[in-house]
Amino acid sequence: MLPIEPDDRPPERPASPGAFGDVLALARLHWVREMSRRLDRLGYHDVRRSDVFVVRRLLRGPVPVGRLGEGLAITRQAARRVVDGLEQRGLASTVRDPSDARRLNVVLTPEGTRYARAVVDVVHALNGELAARVAPGDLEVAVSVLRSVVDGEWAGSGPGGDDPTGLTD
């Protein structure tokens, strides 16, 4: 049997649109697992999925509990539980907002700041490793597609509009 020459190969089938959500979910699962594995090696053994967003956001300064909930697309009560978990692990604390005593701001502790910096370092390393494996044009297209998912209107969620996470570069 003769080897198939590159020009003799059948054309690649375009990706099925139905597979997008499955591949997206699997990619996120693998990304989060790798982040957790690397943070574990750095001594952070109790990484939670919400930590990555929250501590990166808090690294920029105090944030009201409700605003964290918006960024995570969860209720204020659920955001409070996330904050409680950070407080129990000594990574964050809450303080009353000096301009509005009704508002409760979340701030990182010194250990939380070290954790947040480790998270940022791991995210940057993963981004760099991915960029080294994928053609720049392909990566731009992938990011564009993912942004269209983030910015899209979905039943009951409304338009994405501005990035509520404050994490886009």
N, C-alpha and C. Protein backbone atom coordinates (compact mmCIF):
# COMPACT_ATOMS: atom_id res chain seq x y z
N MET A 1 0.86 -1.18 0.00
CA MET A 1 0.00 0.00 0.00
C MET A 1 0.89 1.23 0.00
N LEU A 2 0.57 2.19 -0.84
CA LEU A 2 1.34 3.42 -0.94
C LEU A 2 0.99 4.38 0.18
N PRO A 3 1.98 5.11 0.70
CA PRO A 3 1.66 6.10 1.74
C PRO A 3 0.82 7.22 1.14
N ILE A 4 0.00 7.79 1.97
CA ILE A 4 -0.85 8.91 1.53
C ILE A 4 -0.01 10.18 1.56
N GLU A 5 0.05 10.83 0.44
CA GLU A 5 0.75 12.11 0.37
C GLU A 5 -0.15 13.19 0.96
N PRO A 6 0.44 14.26 1.50
CA PRO A 6 -0.38 15.31 2.11
C PRO A 6 -1.49 15.83 1.21
N ASP A 7 -1.23 15.95 -0.09
CA ASP A 7 -2.26 16.48 -1.00
C ASP A 7 -3.35 15.46 -1.30
N ASP A 8 -3.09 14.17 -1.01
CA ASP A 8 -4.06 13.12 -1.30
C ASP A 8 -5.01 12.85 -0.15
N ARG A 9 -4.78 13.50 0.97
CA ARG A 9 -5.62 13.26 2.14
C ARG A 9 -7.01 13.84 1.90
N PRO A 10 -8.02 13.18 2.44
CA PRO A 10 -9.37 13.76 2.32
C PRO A 10 -9.42 15.07 3.09
N PRO A 11 -10.23 16.00 2.63
CA PRO A 11 -10.32 17.28 3.35
C PRO A 11 -10.84 17.05 4.77
N GLU A 12 -10.35 17.87 5.70
CA GLU A 12 -10.82 17.74 7.08
C GLU A 12 -12.28 18.14 7.16
N ARG A 13 -13.00 17.39 7.96
CA ARG A 13 -14.40 17.75 8.19
C ARG A 13 -14.46 18.95 9.10
N PRO A 14 -15.33 19.90 8.79
CA PRO A 14 -15.47 21.03 9.73
C PRO A 14 -16.03 20.52 11.05
N ALA A 15 -15.65 21.17 12.11
CA ALA A 15 -16.14 20.79 13.44
C ALA A 15 -17.66 20.92 13.49
N SER A 16 -18.26 19.97 14.13
CA SER A 16 -19.70 20.01 14.30
C SER A 16 -20.06 21.09 15.31
N PRO A 17 -21.00 21.99 14.95
CA PRO A 17 -21.39 23.00 15.94
C PRO A 17 -21.92 22.39 17.23
N GLY A 18 -22.48 21.21 17.13
CA GLY A 18 -23.02 20.54 18.31
C GLY A 18 -21.93 20.11 19.28
N ALA A 19 -20.71 19.98 18.80
CA ALA A 19 -19.61 19.55 19.66
C ALA A 19 -19.01 20.71 20.45
N PHE A 20 -19.31 21.95 20.08
CA PHE A 20 -18.65 23.10 20.70
C PHE A 20 -18.81 23.11 22.21
N GLY A 21 -20.02 22.98 22.70
CA GLY A 21 -20.26 23.03 24.14
C GLY A 21 -19.54 21.92 24.89
N ASP A 22 -19.50 20.72 24.28
CA ASP A 22 -18.81 19.61 24.92
C ASP A 22 -17.32 19.86 24.99
N VAL A 23 -16.73 20.34 23.89
CA VAL A 23 -15.30 20.60 23.87
C VAL A 23 -14.97 21.76 24.81
N LEU A 24 -15.82 22.77 24.85
CA LEU A 24 -15.62 23.90 25.76
C LEU A 24 -15.62 23.42 27.21
N ALA A 25 -16.59 22.60 27.56
CA ALA A 25 -16.67 22.08 28.93
C ALA A 25 -15.45 21.23 29.28
N LEU A 26 -15.02 20.37 28.35
CA LEU A 26 -13.84 19.54 28.61
C LEU A 26 -12.58 20.39 28.72
N ALA A 27 -12.46 21.39 27.87
CA ALA A 27 -11.29 22.28 27.93
C ALA A 27 -11.25 22.98 29.28
N ARG A 28 -12.37 23.49 29.73
CA ARG A 28 -12.43 24.18 31.03
C ARG A 28 -12.06 23.22 32.16
N LEU A 29 -12.58 22.01 32.10
CA LEU A 29 -12.28 21.01 33.12
C LEU A 29 -10.77 20.73 33.18
N HIS A 30 -10.15 20.52 32.03
CA HIS A 30 -8.71 20.24 32.00
C HIS A 30 -7.90 21.45 32.45
N TRP A 31 -8.34 22.65 32.06
CA TRP A 31 -7.64 23.88 32.46
C TRP A 31 -7.67 24.05 33.98
N VAL A 32 -8.85 23.88 34.56
CA VAL A 32 -9.00 24.03 36.01
C VAL A 32 -8.20 22.96 36.75
N ARG A 33 -8.21 21.74 36.26
CA ARG A 33 -7.43 20.68 36.90
C ARG A 33 -5.94 20.99 36.87
N GLU A 34 -5.46 21.49 35.74
CA GLU A 34 -4.03 21.81 35.64
C GLU A 34 -3.67 22.99 36.54
N MET A 35 -4.55 23.99 36.60
CA MET A 35 -4.30 25.11 37.53
C MET A 35 -4.23 24.59 38.96
N SER A 36 -5.18 23.77 39.34
CA SER A 36 -5.21 23.22 40.70
C SER A 36 -3.97 22.39 41.00
N ARG A 37 -3.54 21.59 40.03
CA ARG A 37 -2.35 20.75 40.20
C ARG A 37 -1.12 21.62 40.45
N ARG A 38 -0.98 22.67 39.66
CA ARG A 38 0.19 23.55 39.81
C ARG A 38 0.14 24.34 41.11
N LEU A 39 -1.04 24.81 41.48
CA LEU A 39 -1.16 25.53 42.75
C LEU A 39 -0.90 24.60 43.93
N ASP A 40 -1.32 23.35 43.80
CA ASP A 40 -1.05 22.36 44.85
C ASP A 40 0.46 22.18 45.03
N ARG A 41 1.19 22.12 43.92
CA ARG A 41 2.66 22.00 43.98
C ARG A 41 3.29 23.21 44.66
N LEU A 42 2.62 24.36 44.59
CA LEU A 42 3.12 25.58 45.22
C LEU A 42 2.70 25.69 46.69
N GLY A 43 1.98 24.68 47.16
CA GLY A 43 1.57 24.66 48.57
C GLY A 43 0.14 25.09 48.82
N TYR A 44 -0.61 25.37 47.78
CA TYR A 44 -2.02 25.77 47.93
C TYR A 44 -2.88 24.54 47.63
N HIS A 45 -3.25 23.82 48.69
CA HIS A 45 -3.89 22.51 48.55
C HIS A 45 -5.41 22.56 48.52
N ASP A 46 -5.99 23.68 48.88
CA ASP A 46 -7.45 23.77 48.95
C ASP A 46 -7.98 24.79 47.93
N VAL A 47 -7.65 24.56 46.67
CA VAL A 47 -8.07 25.48 45.61
C VAL A 47 -9.51 25.19 45.24
N ARG A 48 -10.28 26.24 45.15
CA ARG A 48 -11.69 26.12 44.73
C ARG A 48 -11.87 26.88 43.43
N ARG A 49 -12.77 26.42 42.60
CA ARG A 49 -12.97 27.03 41.28
C ARG A 49 -13.22 28.53 41.36
N SER A 50 -14.00 28.95 42.31
CA SER A 50 -14.32 30.38 42.42
C SER A 50 -13.12 31.21 42.87
N ASP A 51 -12.14 30.57 43.50
CA ASP A 51 -10.97 31.30 43.99
C ASP A 51 -10.27 32.07 42.87
N VAL A 52 -10.11 31.43 41.73
CA VAL A 52 -9.29 31.99 40.66
C VAL A 52 -9.84 33.35 40.23
N PHE A 53 -11.14 33.43 40.01
CA PHE A 53 -11.74 34.71 39.65
C PHE A 53 -11.66 35.69 40.82
N VAL A 54 -12.08 35.25 41.98
CA VAL A 54 -12.23 36.16 43.12
C VAL A 54 -10.90 36.76 43.57
N VAL A 55 -9.88 35.92 43.75
CA VAL A 55 -8.62 36.48 44.25
C VAL A 55 -7.94 37.36 43.21
N ARG A 56 -8.11 37.02 41.92
CA ARG A 56 -7.54 37.89 40.88
C ARG A 56 -8.23 39.25 40.91
N ARG A 57 -9.53 39.24 41.10
CA ARG A 57 -10.28 40.49 41.15
C ARG A 57 -9.91 41.29 42.41
N LEU A 58 -9.77 40.62 43.53
CA LEU A 58 -9.44 41.30 44.78
C LEU A 58 -8.00 41.84 44.78
N LEU A 59 -7.15 41.27 43.96
CA LEU A 59 -5.78 41.76 43.87
C LEU A 59 -5.76 43.22 43.41
N ARG A 60 -6.81 43.64 42.72
CA ARG A 60 -6.92 45.03 42.26
C ARG A 60 -7.42 45.97 43.35
N GLY A 61 -7.93 45.43 44.43
CA GLY A 61 -8.43 46.26 45.52
C GLY A 61 -9.74 45.72 46.06
N PRO A 62 -10.25 46.35 47.14
CA PRO A 62 -11.50 45.89 47.78
C PRO A 62 -12.67 45.88 46.79
N VAL A 63 -13.54 44.90 46.97
CA VAL A 63 -14.72 44.74 46.13
C VAL A 63 -15.91 44.42 47.02
N PRO A 64 -17.05 45.07 46.80
CA PRO A 64 -18.25 44.71 47.57
C PRO A 64 -18.67 43.26 47.27
N VAL A 65 -19.20 42.60 48.26
CA VAL A 65 -19.64 41.21 48.11
C VAL A 65 -20.59 41.07 46.93
N GLY A 66 -21.54 41.97 46.80
CA GLY A 66 -22.50 41.90 45.70
C GLY A 66 -21.85 41.97 44.34
N ARG A 67 -20.83 42.78 44.20
CA ARG A 67 -20.12 42.90 42.92
C ARG A 67 -19.42 41.60 42.56
N LEU A 68 -18.88 40.91 43.57
CA LEU A 68 -18.27 39.59 43.31
C LEU A 68 -19.33 38.62 42.80
N GLY A 69 -20.52 38.71 43.38
CA GLY A 69 -21.62 37.85 42.92
C GLY A 69 -21.96 38.10 41.47
N GLU A 70 -21.99 39.37 41.08
CA GLU A 70 -22.27 39.71 39.68
C GLU A 70 -21.21 39.11 38.76
N GLY A 71 -19.94 39.25 39.13
CA GLY A 71 -18.85 38.74 38.32
C GLY A 71 -18.88 37.23 38.17
N LEU A 72 -19.36 36.55 39.21
CA LEU A 72 -19.47 35.09 39.17
C LEU A 72 -20.82 34.62 38.64
N ALA A 73 -21.72 35.57 38.37
CA ALA A 73 -23.08 35.26 37.92
C ALA A 73 -23.81 34.40 38.95
N ILE A 74 -23.66 34.79 40.23
CA ILE A 74 -24.34 34.10 41.32
C ILE A 74 -25.01 35.15 42.21
N THR A 75 -25.87 34.69 43.08
CA THR A 75 -26.57 35.60 43.98
C THR A 75 -25.60 36.18 45.01
N ARG A 76 -26.05 37.24 45.67
CA ARG A 76 -25.24 37.84 46.73
C ARG A 76 -25.02 36.84 47.85
N GLN A 77 -26.04 36.04 48.15
CA GLN A 77 -25.92 35.04 49.21
C GLN A 77 -24.87 33.99 48.85
N ALA A 78 -24.87 33.56 47.60
CA ALA A 78 -23.86 32.58 47.16
C ALA A 78 -22.47 33.22 47.19
N ALA A 79 -22.37 34.48 46.79
CA ALA A 79 -21.09 35.18 46.86
C ALA A 79 -20.61 35.26 48.30
N ARG A 80 -21.53 35.47 49.21
CA ARG A 80 -21.17 35.54 50.63
C ARG A 80 -20.56 34.21 51.08
N ARG A 81 -21.11 33.09 50.59
CA ARG A 81 -20.55 31.78 50.94
C ARG A 81 -19.13 31.62 50.38
N VAL A 82 -18.90 32.13 49.17
CA VAL A 82 -17.55 32.09 48.59
C VAL A 82 -16.59 32.89 49.47
N VAL A 83 -17.03 34.08 49.86
CA VAL A 83 -16.21 34.95 50.72
C VAL A 83 -15.97 34.28 52.08
N ASP A 84 -17.00 33.66 52.63
CA ASP A 84 -16.83 32.95 53.91
C ASP A 84 -15.74 31.89 53.79
N GLY A 85 -15.72 31.16 52.67
CA GLY A 85 -14.68 30.15 52.46
C GLY A 85 -13.29 30.76 52.42
N LEU A 86 -13.17 31.91 51.76
CA LEU A 86 -11.87 32.60 51.72
C LEU A 86 -11.47 33.06 53.12
N GLU A 87 -12.44 33.56 53.87
CA GLU A 87 -12.15 34.02 55.24
C GLU A 87 -11.72 32.86 56.12
N GLN A 88 -12.41 31.74 56.02
CA GLN A 88 -12.08 30.57 56.84
C GLN A 88 -10.67 30.07 56.56
N ARG A 89 -10.20 30.24 55.34
CA ARG A 89 -8.85 29.80 54.97
C ARG A 89 -7.81 30.90 55.17
N GLY A 90 -8.23 32.04 55.73
CA GLY A 90 -7.30 33.13 56.02
C GLY A 90 -6.84 33.90 54.80
N LEU A 91 -7.60 33.84 53.70
CA LEU A 91 -7.19 34.49 52.46
C LEU A 91 -7.84 35.85 52.25
N ALA A 92 -8.94 36.11 52.93
CA ALA A 92 -9.65 37.38 52.77
C ALA A 92 -10.34 37.75 54.06
N SER A 93 -10.72 39.01 54.14
CA SER A 93 -11.53 39.48 55.26
C SER A 93 -12.53 40.49 54.70
N THR A 94 -13.52 40.82 55.51
CA THR A 94 -14.51 41.80 55.08
C THR A 94 -14.42 43.03 55.98
N VAL A 95 -14.64 44.18 55.36
CA VAL A 95 -14.63 45.45 56.08
C VAL A 95 -15.78 46.30 55.56
N ARG A 96 -16.31 47.13 56.43
CA ARG A 96 -17.36 48.06 56.01
C ARG A 96 -16.76 49.12 55.09
N ASP A 97 -17.50 49.47 54.07
CA ASP A 97 -17.06 50.51 53.14
C ASP A 97 -17.07 51.84 53.87
N PRO A 98 -15.98 52.61 53.81
CA PRO A 98 -15.93 53.88 54.54
C PRO A 98 -16.95 54.90 54.05
N SER A 99 -17.39 54.78 52.79
CA SER A 99 -18.35 55.75 52.27
C SER A 99 -19.80 55.29 52.38
N ASP A 100 -20.03 54.00 52.67
CA ASP A 100 -21.38 53.47 52.79
C ASP A 100 -21.34 52.28 53.75
N ALA A 101 -21.72 52.50 54.99
CA ALA A 101 -21.63 51.46 56.03
C ALA A 101 -22.49 50.24 55.73
N ARG A 102 -23.44 50.37 54.81
CA ARG A 102 -24.27 49.21 54.45
C ARG A 102 -23.50 48.24 53.55
N ARG A 103 -22.47 48.74 52.90
CA ARG A 103 -21.72 47.94 51.93
C ARG A 103 -20.57 47.22 52.63
N LEU A 104 -20.45 45.92 52.35
CA LEU A 104 -19.40 45.10 52.92
C LEU A 104 -18.38 44.80 51.82
N ASN A 105 -17.16 45.28 52.00
CA ASN A 105 -16.10 45.07 51.03
C ASN A 105 -15.25 43.87 51.42
N VAL A 106 -14.75 43.17 50.42
CA VAL A 106 -13.87 42.03 50.63
C VAL A 106 -12.45 42.48 50.26
N VAL A 107 -11.50 42.16 51.13
CA VAL A 107 -10.10 42.49 50.88
C VAL A 107 -9.24 41.25 51.11
N LEU A 108 -8.14 41.17 50.41
CA LEU A 108 -7.22 40.06 50.61
C LEU A 108 -6.37 40.29 51.85
N THR A 109 -6.08 39.22 52.55
CA THR A 109 -5.11 39.25 53.63
C THR A 109 -3.72 39.14 52.98
N PRO A 110 -2.65 39.31 53.74
CA PRO A 110 -1.32 39.10 53.14
C PRO A 110 -1.16 37.70 52.52
N GLU A 111 -1.67 36.67 53.20
CA GLU A 111 -1.62 35.32 52.62
C GLU A 111 -2.48 35.24 51.36
N GLY A 112 -3.63 35.90 51.37
CA GLY A 112 -4.48 35.94 50.19
C GLY A 112 -3.80 36.63 49.02
N THR A 113 -3.03 37.65 49.31
CA THR A 113 -2.28 38.35 48.25
C THR A 113 -1.22 37.43 47.66
N ARG A 114 -0.53 36.67 48.50
CA ARG A 114 0.46 35.70 47.99
C ARG A 114 -0.23 34.64 47.13
N TYR A 115 -1.37 34.17 47.59
CA TYR A 115 -2.15 33.18 46.84
C TYR A 115 -2.59 33.76 45.50
N ALA A 116 -3.11 34.98 45.51
CA ALA A 116 -3.57 35.61 44.27
C ALA A 116 -2.42 35.76 43.28
N ARG A 117 -1.25 36.12 43.77
CA ARG A 117 -0.09 36.26 42.87
C ARG A 117 0.31 34.91 42.30
N ALA A 118 0.21 33.86 43.11
CA ALA A 118 0.50 32.51 42.61
C ALA A 118 -0.52 32.13 41.53
N VAL A 119 -1.78 32.45 41.75
CA VAL A 119 -2.82 32.18 40.76
C VAL A 119 -2.50 32.90 39.45
N VAL A 120 -2.17 34.18 39.54
CA VAL A 120 -1.84 34.96 38.35
C VAL A 120 -0.64 34.35 37.63
N ASP A 121 0.37 33.96 38.37
CA ASP A 121 1.56 33.34 37.74
C ASP A 121 1.20 32.05 37.01
N VAL A 122 0.36 31.22 37.64
CA VAL A 122 -0.05 29.97 37.01
C VAL A 122 -0.87 30.24 35.75
N VAL A 123 -1.80 31.18 35.83
CA VAL A 123 -2.62 31.52 34.66
C VAL A 123 -1.74 32.03 33.53
N HIS A 124 -0.80 32.91 33.84
CA HIS A 124 0.10 33.42 32.79
C HIS A 124 0.95 32.30 32.19
N ALA A 125 1.43 31.38 33.02
CA ALA A 125 2.22 30.27 32.51
C ALA A 125 1.39 29.39 31.58
N LEU A 126 0.16 29.07 31.99
CA LEU A 126 -0.70 28.26 31.14
C LEU A 126 -1.01 28.97 29.82
N ASN A 127 -1.29 30.27 29.91
CA ASN A 127 -1.56 31.03 28.68
C ASN A 127 -0.34 30.99 27.75
N GLY A 128 0.84 31.18 28.32
CA GLY A 128 2.06 31.17 27.51
C GLY A 128 2.31 29.81 26.88
N GLU A 129 2.10 28.75 27.63
CA GLU A 129 2.29 27.40 27.09
C GLU A 129 1.31 27.11 25.97
N LEU A 130 0.07 27.55 26.13
CA LEU A 130 -0.92 27.35 25.07
C LEU A 130 -0.53 28.15 23.83
N ALA A 131 -0.12 29.38 24.02
CA ALA A 131 0.28 30.23 22.89
C ALA A 131 1.46 29.62 22.14
N ALA A 132 2.33 28.93 22.84
CA ALA A 132 3.48 28.31 22.19
C ALA A 132 3.09 27.07 21.38
N ARG A 133 1.95 26.45 21.70
CA ARG A 133 1.52 25.23 21.02
C ARG A 133 0.56 25.48 19.87
N VAL A 134 -0.05 26.66 19.84
CA VAL A 134 -1.11 26.94 18.86
C VAL A 134 -0.67 28.10 17.99
N ALA A 135 -0.99 28.00 16.72
CA ALA A 135 -0.67 29.08 15.80
C ALA A 135 -1.35 30.37 16.26
N PRO A 136 -0.65 31.51 16.19
CA PRO A 136 -1.22 32.78 16.67
C PRO A 136 -2.60 33.09 16.05
N GLY A 137 -2.76 32.86 14.77
CA GLY A 137 -4.05 33.13 14.13
C GLY A 137 -5.15 32.23 14.68
N ASP A 138 -4.81 30.97 14.92
CA ASP A 138 -5.79 30.05 15.49
C ASP A 138 -6.20 30.47 16.89
N LEU A 139 -5.22 30.92 17.67
CA LEU A 139 -5.52 31.36 19.03
C LEU A 139 -6.41 32.60 19.00
N GLU A 140 -6.14 33.52 18.10
CA GLU A 140 -6.99 34.71 17.98
C GLU A 140 -8.42 34.34 17.63
N VAL A 141 -8.59 33.39 16.72
CA VAL A 141 -9.93 32.94 16.34
C VAL A 141 -10.61 32.27 17.54
N ALA A 142 -9.88 31.42 18.25
CA ALA A 142 -10.47 30.74 19.41
C ALA A 142 -10.92 31.74 20.46
N VAL A 143 -10.10 32.73 20.75
CA VAL A 143 -10.47 33.75 21.73
C VAL A 143 -11.68 34.53 21.23
N SER A 144 -11.71 34.84 19.95
CA SER A 144 -12.86 35.55 19.38
C SER A 144 -14.15 34.74 19.54
N VAL A 145 -14.07 33.46 19.27
CA VAL A 145 -15.25 32.59 19.42
C VAL A 145 -15.69 32.55 20.88
N LEU A 146 -14.74 32.40 21.79
CA LEU A 146 -15.09 32.34 23.20
C LEU A 146 -15.69 33.65 23.69
N ARG A 147 -15.15 34.78 23.20
CA ARG A 147 -15.73 36.08 23.58
C ARG A 147 -17.16 36.20 23.06
N SER A 148 -17.44 35.62 21.90
CA SER A 148 -18.82 35.68 21.39
C SER A 148 -19.76 34.90 22.29
N VAL A 149 -19.25 33.84 22.91
CA VAL A 149 -20.07 33.09 23.87
C VAL A 149 -20.29 33.94 25.12
N VAL A 150 -19.23 34.55 25.63
CA VAL A 150 -19.33 35.38 26.83
C VAL A 150 -20.25 36.57 26.59
N ASP A 151 -20.11 37.20 25.44
CA ASP A 151 -20.86 38.42 25.14
C ASP A 151 -22.25 38.16 24.58
N GLY A 152 -22.59 36.90 24.30
CA GLY A 152 -23.86 36.57 23.68
C GLY A 152 -25.04 36.73 24.62
N GLU A 153 -26.20 36.84 24.03
CA GLU A 153 -27.43 36.88 24.83
C GLU A 153 -27.97 35.46 24.94
N TRP A 154 -28.20 35.04 26.15
CA TRP A 154 -28.75 33.71 26.41
C TRP A 154 -30.05 33.89 27.16
N ALA A 155 -30.94 32.98 26.98
CA ALA A 155 -32.25 33.07 27.62
C ALA A 155 -32.09 33.31 29.12
N GLY A 156 -32.64 34.41 29.58
CA GLY A 156 -32.65 34.71 31.00
C GLY A 156 -31.41 35.39 31.53
N SER A 157 -30.33 35.45 30.74
CA SER A 157 -29.11 36.03 31.30
C SER A 157 -28.83 37.43 30.78
N GLY A 158 -29.43 37.82 29.67
CA GLY A 158 -29.19 39.15 29.12
C GLY A 158 -27.84 39.23 28.46
N PRO A 159 -27.55 40.37 27.87
CA PRO A 159 -26.28 40.51 27.17
C PRO A 159 -25.10 40.55 28.13
N GLY A 160 -23.97 40.02 27.68
CA GLY A 160 -22.76 40.03 28.48
C GLY A 160 -22.22 41.45 28.62
N GLY A 161 -22.19 42.20 27.50
CA GLY A 161 -21.72 43.57 27.53
C GLY A 161 -20.34 43.70 28.13
N ASP A 162 -20.18 44.61 29.07
CA ASP A 162 -18.89 44.81 29.72
C ASP A 162 -18.52 43.55 30.48
N ASP A 163 -17.23 43.34 30.63
CA ASP A 163 -16.74 42.19 31.35
C ASP A 163 -16.91 42.45 32.85
N PRO A 164 -17.89 41.79 33.50
CA PRO A 164 -18.11 42.03 34.93
C PRO A 164 -16.98 41.50 35.78
N THR A 165 -16.14 40.65 35.23
CA THR A 165 -15.05 40.08 36.03
C THR A 165 -13.93 41.09 36.22
N GLY A 166 -13.78 42.02 35.29
CA GLY A 166 -12.68 42.95 35.35
C GLY A 166 -11.36 42.27 35.08
N LEU A 167 -11.39 41.10 34.43
CA LEU A 167 -10.18 40.32 34.23
C LEU A 167 -9.65 40.36 32.81
N THR A 168 -10.43 40.89 31.87
CA THR A 168 -9.93 40.91 30.51
C THR A 168 -8.81 41.91 30.37
N ASP A 169 -7.82 41.53 29.60
CA ASP A 169 -6.66 42.39 29.42
C ASP A 169 -6.87 43.38 28.31
